[in-house]
PDB file of N, CA and C in Angstrom:
ATOM      1  N   MET A   1    -186.961-366.709-115.692  1.00  0.00           N
ATOM      2  CA  MET A   1    -187.922-365.856-116.360  1.00  0.00           C
ATOM      3  C   MET A   1    -187.178-364.740-117.094  1.00  0.00           C
ATOM      4  N   PHE A   2    -187.549-364.509-118.312  1.00  0.00           N
ATOM      5  CA  PHE A   2    -186.951-363.467-119.143  1.00  0.00           C
ATOM      6  C   PHE A   2    -187.900-362.281-119.235  1.00  0.00           C
ATOM      7  N   THR A   3    -187.346-361.099-119.108  1.00  0.00           N
ATOM      8  CA  THR A   3    -188.124-359.877-119.283  1.00  0.00           C
ATOM      9  C   THR A   3    -187.175-358.789-119.760  1.00  0.00           C
ATOM     10  N   SER A   4    -187.694-357.601-119.981  1.00  0.00           N
ATOM     11  CA  SER A   4    -186.886-356.488-120.477  1.00  0.00           C
ATOM     12  C   SER A   4    -187.121-355.256-119.622  1.00  0.00           C
ATOM     13  N   LEU A   5    -186.068-354.472-119.432  1.00  0.00           N
ATOM     14  CA  LEU A   5    -186.211-353.196-118.714  1.00  0.00           C
ATOM     15  C   LEU A   5    -187.059-352.207-119.492  1.00  0.00           C
ATOM     16  N   PHE A   6    -187.190-352.422-120.813  1.00  0.00           N
ATOM     17  CA  PHE A   6    -187.837-351.457-121.694  1.00  0.00           C
ATOM     18  C   PHE A   6    -189.288-351.787-122.028  1.00  0.00           C
ATOM     19  N   SER A   7    -189.848-352.821-121.426  1.00  0.00           N
ATOM     20  CA  SER A   7    -191.236-353.182-121.747  1.00  0.00           C
ATOM     21  C   SER A   7    -191.964-353.642-120.494  1.00  0.00           C
ATOM     22  N   ASP A   8    -193.222-353.957-120.678  1.00  0.00           N
ATOM     23  CA  ASP A   8    -194.073-354.440-119.583  1.00  0.00           C
ATOM     24  C   ASP A   8    -194.093-353.471-118.405  1.00  0.00           C
ATOM     25  N   PHE A   9    -194.309-352.186-118.721  1.00  0.00           N
ATOM     26  CA  PHE A   9    -194.399-351.179-117.666  1.00  0.00           C
ATOM     27  C   PHE A   9    -195.684-351.380-116.867  1.00  0.00           C
ATOM     28  N   PRO A  10    -195.645-351.080-115.570  1.00  0.00           N
ATOM     29  CA  PRO A  10    -196.886-351.056-114.792  1.00  0.00           C
ATOM     30  C   PRO A  10    -197.856-350.038-115.414  1.00  0.00           C
ATOM     31  N   PRO A  11    -199.157-350.269-115.325  1.00  0.00           N
ATOM     32  CA  PRO A  11    -200.124-349.374-115.967  1.00  0.00           C
ATOM     33  C   PRO A  11    -199.948-347.897-115.611  1.00  0.00           C
ATOM     34  N   ALA A  12    -199.688-347.581-114.348  1.00  0.00           N
ATOM     35  CA  ALA A  12    -199.539-346.171-113.949  1.00  0.00           C
ATOM     36  C   ALA A  12    -198.341-345.526-114.630  1.00  0.00           C
ATOM     37  N   ALA A  13    -197.262-346.289-114.826  1.00  0.00           N
ATOM     38  CA  ALA A  13    -196.075-345.760-115.518  1.00  0.00           C
ATOM     39  C   ALA A  13    -196.361-345.632-117.010  1.00  0.00           C
ATOM     40  N   ALA A  14    -197.022-346.624-117.581  1.00  0.00           N
ATOM     41  CA  ALA A  14    -197.337-346.587-119.012  1.00  0.00           C
ATOM     42  C   ALA A  14    -198.208-345.378-119.357  1.00  0.00           C
ATOM     43  N   ARG A  15    -199.076-344.997-118.448  1.00  0.00           N
ATOM     44  CA  ARG A  15    -199.956-343.831-118.665  1.00  0.00           C
ATOM     45  C   ARG A  15    -199.299-342.521-118.224  1.00  0.00           C
ATOM     46  N   GLY A  16    -198.106-342.599-117.626  1.00  0.00           N
ATOM     47  CA  GLY A  16    -197.405-341.403-117.166  1.00  0.00           C
ATOM     48  C   GLY A  16    -198.035-340.777-115.942  1.00  0.00           C
ATOM     49  N   GLU A  17    -198.793-341.548-115.189  1.00  0.00           N
ATOM     50  CA  GLU A  17    -199.507-341.009-114.026  1.00  0.00           C
ATOM     51  C   GLU A  17    -198.647-340.898-112.774  1.00  0.00           C
ATOM     52  N   GLN A  18    -197.714-341.822-112.618  1.00  0.00           N
ATOM     53  CA  GLN A  18    -196.876-341.789-111.424  1.00  0.00           C
ATOM     54  C   GLN A  18    -195.579-342.535-111.657  1.00  0.00           C
ATOM     55  N   GLU A  19    -194.608-342.214-110.836  1.00  0.00           N
ATOM     56  CA  GLU A  19    -193.338-342.920-110.845  1.00  0.00           C
ATOM     57  C   GLU A  19    -193.563-344.299-110.235  1.00  0.00           C
ATOM     58  N   THR A  20    -192.922-345.322-110.805  1.00  0.00           N
ATOM     59  CA  THR A  20    -193.113-346.674-110.283  1.00  0.00           C
ATOM     60  C   THR A  20    -191.775-347.294-109.897  1.00  0.00           C
ATOM     61  N   PHE A  21    -191.837-348.165-108.911  1.00  0.00           N
ATOM     62  CA  PHE A  21    -190.673-348.857-108.364  1.00  0.00           C
ATOM     63  C   PHE A  21    -190.992-350.345-108.349  1.00  0.00           C
ATOM     64  N   GLU A  22    -190.152-351.149-109.004  1.00  0.00           N
ATOM     65  CA  GLU A  22    -190.392-352.588-109.066  1.00  0.00           C
ATOM     66  C   GLU A  22    -189.129-353.343-108.684  1.00  0.00           C
ATOM     67  N   ASP A  23    -189.244-354.252-107.733  1.00  0.00           N
ATOM     68  CA  ASP A  23    -188.127-355.113-107.402  1.00  0.00           C
ATOM     69  C   ASP A  23    -187.915-356.118-108.524  1.00  0.00           C
ATOM     70  N   LEU A  24    -186.691-356.188-109.028  1.00  0.00           N
ATOM     71  CA  LEU A  24    -186.331-357.191-110.025  1.00  0.00           C
ATOM     72  C   LEU A  24    -185.667-358.393-109.362  1.00  0.00           C
ATOM     73  N   LEU A  25    -184.952-358.124-108.272  1.00  0.00           N
ATOM     74  CA  LEU A  25    -184.292-359.172-107.499  1.00  0.00           C
ATOM     75  C   LEU A  25    -184.182-358.682-106.067  1.00  0.00           C
ATOM     76  N   ARG A  26    -184.485-359.588-105.138  1.00  0.00           N
ATOM     77  CA  ARG A  26    -184.392-359.224-103.724  1.00  0.00           C
ATOM     78  C   ARG A  26    -183.734-360.380-102.971  1.00  0.00           C
ATOM     79  N   ARG A  27    -182.628-360.062-102.316  1.00  0.00           N
ATOM     80  CA  ARG A  27    -181.898-361.015-101.500  1.00  0.00           C
ATOM     81  C   ARG A  27    -181.590-360.324-100.170  1.00  0.00           C
ATOM     82  N   PRO A  28    -181.145-361.086 -99.150  1.00  0.00           N
ATOM     83  CA  PRO A  28    -180.908-360.462 -97.846  1.00  0.00           C
ATOM     84  C   PRO A  28    -179.947-359.276 -97.875  1.00  0.00           C
ATOM     85  N   ASP A  29    -178.955-359.278 -98.775  1.00  0.00           N
ATOM     86  CA  ASP A  29    -177.964-358.211 -98.749  1.00  0.00           C
ATOM     87  C   ASP A  29    -178.013-357.275 -99.955  1.00  0.00           C
ATOM     88  N   VAL A  30    -178.945-357.496-100.873  1.00  0.00           N
ATOM     89  CA  VAL A  30    -179.029-356.653-102.067  1.00  0.00           C
ATOM     90  C   VAL A  30    -180.458-356.652-102.605  1.00  0.00           C
ATOM     91  N   ARG A  31    -180.838-355.514-103.169  1.00  0.00           N
ATOM     92  CA  ARG A  31    -182.133-355.388-103.841  1.00  0.00           C
ATOM     93  C   ARG A  31    -181.903-354.614-105.122  1.00  0.00           C
ATOM     94  N   ILE A  32    -182.371-355.157-106.235  1.00  0.00           N
ATOM     95  CA  ILE A  32    -182.245-354.498-107.534  1.00  0.00           C
ATOM     96  C   ILE A  32    -183.647-354.103-107.984  1.00  0.00           C
ATOM     97  N   GLU A  33    -183.804-352.840-108.369  1.00  0.00           N
ATOM     98  CA  GLU A  33    -185.127-352.387-108.778  1.00  0.00           C
ATOM     99  C   GLU A  33    -185.073-351.577-110.062  1.00  0.00           C
ATOM    100  N   ARG A  34    -186.202-351.602-110.755  1.00  0.00           N
ATOM    101  CA  ARG A  34    -186.403-350.746-111.928  1.00  0.00           C
ATOM    102  C   ARG A  34    -187.311-349.613-111.482  1.00  0.00           C
ATOM    103  N   ILE A  35    -186.888-348.399-111.780  1.00  0.00           N
ATOM    104  CA  ILE A  35    -187.687-347.207-111.483  1.00  0.00           C
ATOM    105  C   ILE A  35    -188.045-346.575-112.824  1.00  0.00           C
ATOM    106  N   ILE A  36    -189.304-346.256-113.014  1.00  0.00           N
ATOM    107  CA  ILE A  36    -189.749-345.596-114.231  1.00  0.00           C
ATOM    108  C   ILE A  36    -190.306-344.238-113.835  1.00  0.00           C
ATOM    109  N   SER A  37    -189.668-343.185-114.356  1.00  0.00           N
ATOM    110  CA  SER A  37    -190.076-341.805-114.074  1.00  0.00           C
ATOM    111  C   SER A  37    -190.593-341.181-115.365  1.00  0.00           C
ATOM    112  N   THR A  38    -191.692-340.469-115.242  1.00  0.00           N
ATOM    113  CA  THR A  38    -192.292-339.814-116.415  1.00  0.00           C
ATOM    114  C   THR A  38    -192.529-338.342-116.108  1.00  0.00           C
ATOM    115  N   GLY A  39    -191.424-337.658-115.776  1.00  0.00           N
ATOM    116  CA  GLY A  39    -191.510-336.241-115.459  1.00  0.00           C
ATOM    117  C   GLY A  39    -191.574-335.934-113.980  1.00  0.00           C
ATOM    118  N   GLN A  40    -191.519-336.946-113.128  1.00  0.00           N
ATOM    119  CA  GLN A  40    -191.603-336.712-111.686  1.00  0.00           C
ATOM    120  C   GLN A  40    -190.296-336.146-111.139  1.00  0.00           C
ATOM    121  N   ALA A  41    -190.404-335.528-109.970  1.00  0.00           N
ATOM    122  CA  ALA A  41    -189.268-334.969-109.251  1.00  0.00           C
ATOM    123  C   ALA A  41    -189.555-335.086-107.758  1.00  0.00           C
ATOM    124  N   SER A  42    -188.520-334.909-106.958  1.00  0.00           N
ATOM    125  CA  SER A  42    -188.716-334.885-105.509  1.00  0.00           C
ATOM    126  C   SER A  42    -189.557-333.663-105.143  1.00  0.00           C
ATOM    127  N   PRO A  43    -190.407-333.783-104.121  1.00  0.00           N
ATOM    128  CA  PRO A  43    -191.172-332.620-103.682  1.00  0.00           C
ATOM    129  C   PRO A  43    -190.249-331.485-103.245  1.00  0.00           C
ATOM    130  N   PRO A  44    -190.684-330.232-103.370  1.00  0.00           N
ATOM    131  CA  PRO A  44    -189.859-329.095-102.950  1.00  0.00           C
ATOM    132  C   PRO A  44    -189.390-329.263-101.499  1.00  0.00           C
ATOM    133  N   GLY A  45    -188.108-329.057-101.277  1.00  0.00           N
ATOM    134  CA  GLY A  45    -187.544-329.131 -99.933  1.00  0.00           C
ATOM    135  C   GLY A  45    -187.298-330.539 -99.414  1.00  0.00           C
ATOM    136  N   PHE A  46    -187.680-331.576-100.177  1.00  0.00           N
ATOM    137  CA  PHE A  46    -187.515-332.960 -99.728  1.00  0.00           C
ATOM    138  C   PHE A  46    -186.170-333.508-100.164  1.00  0.00           C
ATOM    139  N   TRP A  47    -185.490-334.198 -99.249  1.00  0.00           N
ATOM    140  CA  TRP A  47    -184.210-334.852 -99.538  1.00  0.00           C
ATOM    141  C   TRP A  47    -184.308-336.308 -99.108  1.00  0.00           C
ATOM    142  N   TYR A  48    -183.907-337.209 -99.998  1.00  0.00           N
ATOM    143  CA  TYR A  48    -183.766-338.610 -99.625  1.00  0.00           C
ATOM    144  C   TYR A  48    -182.541-338.747 -98.742  1.00  0.00           C
ATOM    145  N   SER A  49    -182.623-339.613 -97.738  1.00  0.00           N
ATOM    146  CA  SER A  49    -181.488-339.996 -96.903  1.00  0.00           C
ATOM    147  C   SER A  49    -181.759-341.432 -96.487  1.00  0.00           C
ATOM    148  N   GLN A  50    -181.182-342.371 -97.199  1.00  0.00           N
ATOM    149  CA  GLN A  50    -181.525-343.781 -97.056  1.00  0.00           C
ATOM    150  C   GLN A  50    -180.542-344.497 -96.139  1.00  0.00           C
ATOM    151  N   PRO A  51    -181.034-345.490 -95.394  1.00  0.00           N
ATOM    152  CA  PRO A  51    -180.162-346.233 -94.484  1.00  0.00           C
ATOM    153  C   PRO A  51    -179.240-347.222 -95.191  1.00  0.00           C
ATOM    154  N   GLN A  52    -179.417-347.410 -96.495  1.00  0.00           N
ATOM    155  CA  GLN A  52    -178.572-348.322 -97.267  1.00  0.00           C
ATOM    156  C   GLN A  52    -177.890-347.559 -98.390  1.00  0.00           C
ATOM    157  N   GLY A  53    -176.831-348.155 -98.948  1.00  0.00           N
ATOM    158  CA  GLY A  53    -176.188-347.590-100.115  1.00  0.00           C
ATOM    159  C   GLY A  53    -177.034-347.861-101.352  1.00  0.00           C
ATOM    160  N   GLU A  54    -176.869-347.019-102.363  1.00  0.00           N
ATOM    161  CA  GLU A  54    -177.609-347.207-103.615  1.00  0.00           C
ATOM    162  C   GLU A  54    -176.708-346.838-104.800  1.00  0.00           C
ATOM    163  N   TRP A  55    -176.532-347.794-105.689  1.00  0.00           N
ATOM    164  CA  TRP A  55    -175.861-347.559-106.960  1.00  0.00           C
ATOM    165  C   TRP A  55    -176.980-347.432-107.973  1.00  0.00           C
ATOM    166  N   VAL A  56    -177.006-346.334-108.710  1.00  0.00           N
ATOM    167  CA  VAL A  56    -178.123-346.099-109.626  1.00  0.00           C
ATOM    168  C   VAL A  56    -177.586-345.669-110.985  1.00  0.00           C
ATOM    169  N   MET A  57    -178.249-346.189-112.040  1.00  0.00           N
ATOM    170  CA  MET A  57    -177.874-345.870-113.408  1.00  0.00           C
ATOM    171  C   MET A  57    -179.122-345.491-114.193  1.00  0.00           C
ATOM    172  N   VAL A  58    -178.991-344.460-115.030  1.00  0.00           N
ATOM    173  CA  VAL A  58    -180.058-344.122-115.961  1.00  0.00           C
ATOM    174  C   VAL A  58    -179.850-344.999-117.197  1.00  0.00           C
ATOM    175  N   VAL A  59    -180.849-345.808-117.505  1.00  0.00           N
ATOM    176  CA  VAL A  59    -180.792-346.722-118.641  1.00  0.00           C
ATOM    177  C   VAL A  59    -181.365-346.053-119.889  1.00  0.00           C
ATOM    178  N   GLN A  60    -182.373-345.220-119.685  1.00  0.00           N
ATOM    179  CA  GLN A  60    -183.024-344.492-120.772  1.00  0.00           C
ATOM    180  C   GLN A  60    -183.502-343.159-120.213  1.00  0.00           C
ATOM    181  N   GLY A  61    -183.474-342.125-121.039  1.00  0.00           N
ATOM    182  CA  GLY A  61    -183.965-340.819-120.613  1.00  0.00           C
ATOM    183  C   GLY A  61    -182.880-339.979-119.961  1.00  0.00           C
ATOM    184  N   GLU A  62    -183.314-339.032-119.147  1.00  0.00           N
ATOM    185  CA  GLU A  62    -182.403-338.116-118.451  1.00  0.00           C
ATOM    186  C   GLU A  62    -183.029-337.686-117.133  1.00  0.00           C
ATOM    187  N   ALA A  63    -182.155-337.263-116.221  1.00  0.00           N
ATOM    188  CA  ALA A  63    -182.627-336.776-114.922  1.00  0.00           C
ATOM    189  C   ALA A  63    -181.616-335.804-114.342  1.00  0.00           C
ATOM    190  N   GLY A  64    -182.100-334.911-113.496  1.00  0.00           N
ATOM    191  CA  GLY A  64    -181.246-334.000-112.751  1.00  0.00           C
ATOM    192  C   GLY A  64    -181.182-334.447-111.304  1.00  0.00           C
ATOM    193  N   LEU A  65    -180.010-334.851-110.854  1.00  0.00           N
ATOM    194  CA  LEU A  65    -179.807-335.339-109.491  1.00  0.00           C
ATOM    195  C   LEU A  65    -178.999-334.313-108.719  1.00  0.00           C
ATOM    196  N   GLN A  66    -179.471-333.955-107.547  1.00  0.00           N
ATOM    197  CA  GLN A  66    -178.802-332.976-106.701  1.00  0.00           C
ATOM    198  C   GLN A  66    -178.342-333.659-105.421  1.00  0.00           C
ATOM    199  N   LEU A  67    -177.061-333.555-105.117  1.00  0.00           N
ATOM    200  CA  LEU A  67    -176.540-334.007-103.831  1.00  0.00           C
ATOM    201  C   LEU A  67    -176.444-332.791-102.929  1.00  0.00           C
ATOM    202  N   GLU A  68    -176.760-332.957-101.668  1.00  0.00           N
ATOM    203  CA  GLU A  68    -176.833-331.824-100.747  1.00  0.00           C
ATOM    204  C   GLU A  68    -175.531-331.028-100.709  1.00  0.00           C
ATOM    205  N   HIS A  69    -174.401-331.686-100.764  1.00  0.00           N
ATOM    206  CA  HIS A  69    -173.124-330.987-100.643  1.00  0.00           C
ATOM    207  C   HIS A  69    -172.615-330.408-101.968  1.00  0.00           C
ATOM    208  N   ASP A  70    -173.326-330.624-103.074  1.00  0.00           N
ATOM    209  CA  ASP A  70    -172.911-330.105-104.379  1.00  0.00           C
ATOM    210  C   ASP A  70    -173.682-328.837-104.731  1.00  0.00           C
ATOM    211  N   ALA A  71    -172.990-327.841-105.232  1.00  0.00           N
ATOM    212  CA  ALA A  71    -173.651-326.601-105.633  1.00  0.00           C
ATOM    213  C   ALA A  71    -174.458-326.781-106.917  1.00  0.00           C
ATOM    214  N   GLN A  72    -174.008-327.655-107.800  1.00  0.00           N
ATOM    215  CA  GLN A  72    -174.668-327.861-109.087  1.00  0.00           C
ATOM    216  C   GLN A  72    -175.302-329.246-109.145  1.00  0.00           C
ATOM    217  N   GLU A  73    -176.450-329.340-109.818  1.00  0.00           N
ATOM    218  CA  GLU A  73    -177.039-330.649-110.029  1.00  0.00           C
ATOM    219  C   GLU A  73    -176.211-331.426-111.060  1.00  0.00           C
ATOM    220  N   ARG A  74    -176.337-332.719-111.004  1.00  0.00           N
ATOM    221  CA  ARG A  74    -175.680-333.597-111.968  1.00  0.00           C
ATOM    222  C   ARG A  74    -176.740-334.055-112.959  1.00  0.00           C
ATOM    223  N   VAL A  75    -176.488-333.868-114.231  1.00  0.00           N
ATOM    224  CA  VAL A  75    -177.402-334.343-115.256  1.00  0.00           C
ATOM    225  C   VAL A  75    -176.963-335.750-115.637  1.00  0.00           C
ATOM    226  N   LEU A  76    -177.854-336.705-115.402  1.00  0.00           N
ATOM    227  CA  LEU A  76    -177.578-338.095-115.735  1.00  0.00           C
ATOM    228  C   LEU A  76    -178.318-338.446-117.019  1.00  0.00           C
ATOM    229  N   ARG A  77    -177.579-339.001-117.964  1.00  0.00           N
ATOM    230  CA  ARG A  77    -178.140-339.452-119.236  1.00  0.00           C
ATOM    231  C   ARG A  77    -177.964-340.956-119.339  1.00  0.00           C
ATOM    232  N   ALA A  78    -178.565-341.559-120.340  1.00  0.00           N
ATOM    233  CA  ALA A  78    -178.487-343.009-120.523  1.00  0.00           C
ATOM    234  C   ALA A  78    -177.036-343.472-120.424  1.00  0.00           C
ATOM    235  N   GLY A  79    -176.801-344.429-119.557  1.00  0.00           N
ATOM    236  CA  GLY A  79    -175.466-344.979-119.341  1.00  0.00           C
ATOM    237  C   GLY A  79    -174.729-344.370-118.173  1.00  0.00           C
ATOM    238  N   ASP A  80    -175.173-343.209-117.670  1.00  0.00           N
ATOM    239  CA  ASP A  80    -174.515-342.569-116.524  1.00  0.00           C
ATOM    240  C   ASP A  80    -174.969-343.238-115.227  1.00  0.00           C
ATOM    241  N   PHE A  81    -174.031-343.370-114.294  1.00  0.00           N
ATOM    242  CA  PHE A  81    -174.373-343.969-113.008  1.00  0.00           C
ATOM    243  C   PHE A  81    -173.637-343.242-111.890  1.00  0.00           C
ATOM    244  N   ILE A  82    -174.151-343.458-110.672  1.00  0.00           N
ATOM    245  CA  ILE A  82    -173.553-342.846-109.495  1.00  0.00           C
ATOM    246  C   ILE A  82    -173.776-343.775-108.313  1.00  0.00           C
ATOM    247  N   ASN A  83    -172.817-343.787-107.396  1.00  0.00           N
ATOM    248  CA  ASN A  83    -172.962-344.526-106.155  1.00  0.00           C
ATOM    249  C   ASN A  83    -173.313-343.538-105.047  1.00  0.00           C
ATOM    250  N   LEU A  84    -174.386-343.814-104.339  1.00  0.00           N
ATOM    251  CA  LEU A  84    -174.832-342.961-103.236  1.00  0.00           C
ATOM    252  C   LEU A  84    -174.674-343.754-101.934  1.00  0.00           C
ATOM    253  N   PRO A  85    -173.629-343.496-101.163  1.00  0.00           N
ATOM    254  CA  PRO A  85    -173.472-344.202 -99.891  1.00  0.00           C
ATOM    255  C   PRO A  85    -174.658-343.933 -98.960  1.00  0.00           C
ATOM    256  N   ALA A  86    -174.825-344.809 -97.995  1.00  0.00           N
ATOM    257  CA  ALA A  86    -175.902-344.640 -97.014  1.00  0.00           C
ATOM    258  C   ALA A  86    -175.857-343.243 -96.407  1.00  0.00           C
ATOM    259  N   GLN A  87    -177.021-342.674 -96.176  1.00  0.00           N
ATOM    260  CA  GLN A  87    -177.233-341.385 -95.509  1.00  0.00           C
ATOM    261  C   GLN A  87    -176.803-340.169 -96.331  1.00  0.00           C
ATOM    262  N   VAL A  88    -176.421-340.335 -97.589  1.00  0.00           N
ATOM    263  CA  VAL A  88    -176.098-339.179 -98.434  1.00  0.00           C
ATOM    264  C   VAL A  88    -177.414-338.528 -98.865  1.00  0.00           C
ATOM    265  N   ARG A  89    -177.586-337.280 -98.474  1.00  0.00           N
ATOM    266  CA  ARG A  89    -178.832-336.583 -98.813  1.00  0.00           C
ATOM    267  C   ARG A  89    -178.801-336.178-100.280  1.00  0.00           C
ATOM    268  N   HIS A  90    -179.890-336.539-100.986  1.00  0.00           N
ATOM    269  CA  HIS A  90    -179.978-336.268-102.421  1.00  0.00           C
ATOM    270  C   HIS A  90    -181.443-336.109-102.820  1.00  0.00           C
ATOM    271  N   ARG A  91    -181.632-335.512-103.986  1.00  0.00           N
ATOM    272  CA  ARG A  91    -182.985-335.316-104.498  1.00  0.00           C
ATOM    273  C   ARG A  91    -182.955-335.372-106.017  1.00  0.00           C
ATOM    274  N   VAL A  92    -184.095-335.673-106.602  1.00  0.00           N
ATOM    275  CA  VAL A  92    -184.241-335.671-108.047  1.00  0.00           C
ATOM    276  C   VAL A  92    -184.945-334.366-108.412  1.00  0.00           C
ATOM    277  N   ASN A  93    -184.252-333.497-109.147  1.00  0.00           N
ATOM    278  CA  ASN A  93    -184.822-332.195-109.515  1.00  0.00           C
ATOM    279  C   ASN A  93    -185.796-332.295-110.680  1.00  0.00           C
ATOM    280  N   TRP A  94    -185.563-333.220-111.590  1.00  0.00           N
ATOM    281  CA  TRP A  94    -186.436-333.392-112.753  1.00  0.00           C
ATOM    282  C   TRP A  94    -186.110-334.714-113.438  1.00  0.00           C
ATOM    283  N   THR A  95    -187.066-335.221-114.198  1.00  0.00           N
ATOM    284  CA  THR A  95    -186.841-336.385-115.056  1.00  0.00           C
ATOM    285  C   THR A  95    -187.516-336.134-116.397  1.00  0.00           C
ATOM    286  N   ARG A  96    -186.941-336.710-117.426  1.00  0.00           N
ATOM    287  CA  ARG A  96    -187.525-336.620-118.770  1.00  0.00           C
ATOM    288  C   ARG A  96    -188.708-337.586-118.850  1.00  0.00           C
ATOM    289  N   SER A  97    -189.754-337.142-119.533  1.00  0.00           N
ATOM    290  CA  SER A  97    -190.930-337.995-119.681  1.00  0.00           C
ATOM    291  C   SER A  97    -191.022-338.644-121.056  1.00  0.00           C
ATOM    292  N   ASP A  98    -190.346-338.078-122.057  1.00  0.00           N
ATOM    293  CA  ASP A  98    -190.424-338.625-123.411  1.00  0.00           C
ATOM    294  C   ASP A  98    -189.026-338.707-124.002  1.00  0.00           C
ATOM    295  N   PRO A  99    -188.409-339.867-123.988  1.00  0.00           N
ATOM    296  CA  PRO A  99    -188.965-341.126-123.492  1.00  0.00           C
ATOM    297  C   PRO A  99    -188.935-341.156-121.966  1.00  0.00           C
ATOM    298  N   PRO A 100    -189.688-342.076-121.378  1.00  0.00           N
ATOM    299  CA  PRO A 100    -189.647-342.197-119.923  1.00  0.00           C
ATOM    300  C   PRO A 100    -188.212-342.427-119.446  1.00  0.00           C
ATOM    301  N   THR A 101    -187.912-341.935-118.276  1.00  0.00           N
ATOM    302  CA  THR A 101    -186.608-342.182-117.678  1.00  0.00           C
ATOM    303  C   THR A 101    -186.677-343.507-116.934  1.00  0.00           C
ATOM    304  N   ILE A 102    -185.804-344.420-117.335  1.00  0.00           N
ATOM    305  CA  ILE A 102    -185.741-345.736-116.700  1.00  0.00           C
ATOM    306  C   ILE A 102    -184.429-345.805-115.927  1.00  0.00           C
ATOM    307  N   TRP A 103    -184.551-346.107-114.653  1.00  0.00           N
ATOM    308  CA  TRP A 103    -183.399-346.233-113.764  1.00  0.00           C
ATOM    309  C   TRP A 103    -183.217-347.705-113.385  1.00  0.00           C
ATOM    310  N   LEU A 104    -181.985-348.106-113.171  1.00  0.00           N
ATOM    311  CA  LEU A 104    -181.676-349.392-112.574  1.00  0.00           C
ATOM    312  C   LEU A 104    -180.969-349.065-111.264  1.00  0.00           C
ATOM    313  N   ALA A 105    -181.560-349.482-110.157  1.00  0.00           N
ATOM    314  CA  ALA A 105    -181.015-349.159-108.838  1.00  0.00           C
ATOM    315  C   ALA A 105    -180.641-350.441-108.110  1.00  0.00           C
ATOM    316  N   VAL A 106    -179.444-350.434-107.537  1.00  0.00           N
ATOM    317  CA  VAL A 106    -178.964-351.550-106.735  1.00  0.00           C
ATOM    318  C   VAL A 106    -178.777-351.035-105.318  1.00  0.00           C
ATOM    319  N   HIS A 107    -179.598-351.536-104.405  1.00  0.00           N
ATOM    320  CA  HIS A 107    -179.513-351.162-102.987  1.00  0.00           C
ATOM    321  C   HIS A 107    -178.689-352.239-102.283  1.00  0.00           C
ATOM    322  N   TYR A 108    -177.715-351.810-101.488  1.00  0.00           N
ATOM    323  CA  TYR A 108    -176.825-352.767-100.832  1.00  0.00           C
ATOM    324  C   TYR A 108    -176.637-352.409 -99.372  1.00  0.00           C
ATOM    325  N   ASP A 109    -176.095-353.364 -98.608  1.00  0.00           N
ATOM    326  CA  ASP A 109    -175.961-353.197 -97.160  1.00  0.00           C
ATOM    327  C   ASP A 109    -177.305-352.853 -96.545  1.00  0.00           C
ATOM    328  N   LEU A 110    -178.303-353.677 -96.869  1.00  0.00           N
ATOM    329  CA  LEU A 110    -179.654-353.416 -96.405  1.00  0.00           C
ATOM    330  C   LEU A 110    -179.766-353.601 -94.893  1.00  0.00           C
ATOM    331  N   PRO A 111    -180.464-352.679 -94.239  1.00  0.00           N
ATOM    332  CA  PRO A 111    -180.735-352.886 -92.812  1.00  0.00           C
ATOM    333  C   PRO A 111    -181.586-354.147 -92.631  1.00  0.00           C
ATOM    334  N   ASP A 112    -181.530-354.751 -91.461  1.00  0.00           N
ATOM    335  CA  ASP A 112    -182.252-355.997 -91.201  1.00  0.00           C
ATOM    336  C   ASP A 112    -183.730-355.915 -91.523  1.00  0.00           C
ATOM    337  N   ASP A 113    -184.397-354.791 -91.258  1.00  0.00           N
ATOM    338  CA  ASP A 113    -185.839-354.695 -91.491  1.00  0.00           C
ATOM    339  C   ASP A 113    -186.186-354.635 -92.971  1.00  0.00           C
ATOM    340  N   GLU A 114    -185.208-354.446 -93.880  1.00  0.00           N
ATOM    341  CA  GLU A 114    -185.481-354.457 -95.319  1.00  0.00           C
ATOM    342  C   GLU A 114    -185.240-355.818 -95.927  1.00  0.00           C
ATOM    343  N   ASP A 115    -184.715-356.769 -95.156  1.00  0.00           N
ATOM    344  CA  ASP A 115    -184.391-358.078 -95.698  1.00  0.00           C
ATOM    345  C   ASP A 115    -185.620-358.962 -95.886  1.00  0.00           C
ATOM    346  N   ASP A 116    -186.724-358.610 -95.295  1.00  0.00           N
ATOM    347  CA  ASP A 116    -187.924-359.463 -95.345  1.00  0.00           C
ATOM    348  C   ASP A 116    -188.534-359.518 -96.720  1.00  0.00           C
TER     349      ASP A 116
END
C-alpha cells in the first residue's frame, strides 16, 4: 500500500482540533508512527518517560523539545532528529500549526506488553 506522510490526515488533525498518532508499521521489536501536531504542547509540569527508546524526526514544521537535564529547549525543524533512550524525561514545549508539524517516530526495544 502506498501513502504519503503529507496527506490523508485524520479528520481531527486536518481540522487542527487535536494531536494525532498513527501507527505506520508495527512489529514485535519496532513501531513506526506518524504524529501530526497543530500547535499542541505537553501539559504544564508533564514529562514523558517512556519504557522504550524513541528516535524522532520532524518532517515538516517546527517544535520545541525540552529534555529534563538540558537548561535550554531544542528547536527541531524539518529534517532534525533526536534519539531519546528509554526513560529519558522530555516534553514538547510548543509545535507549529501552520504548516502542521509532522513527526516520524520510531519506537524500539518495545516492552512485551506493547508487542500486541
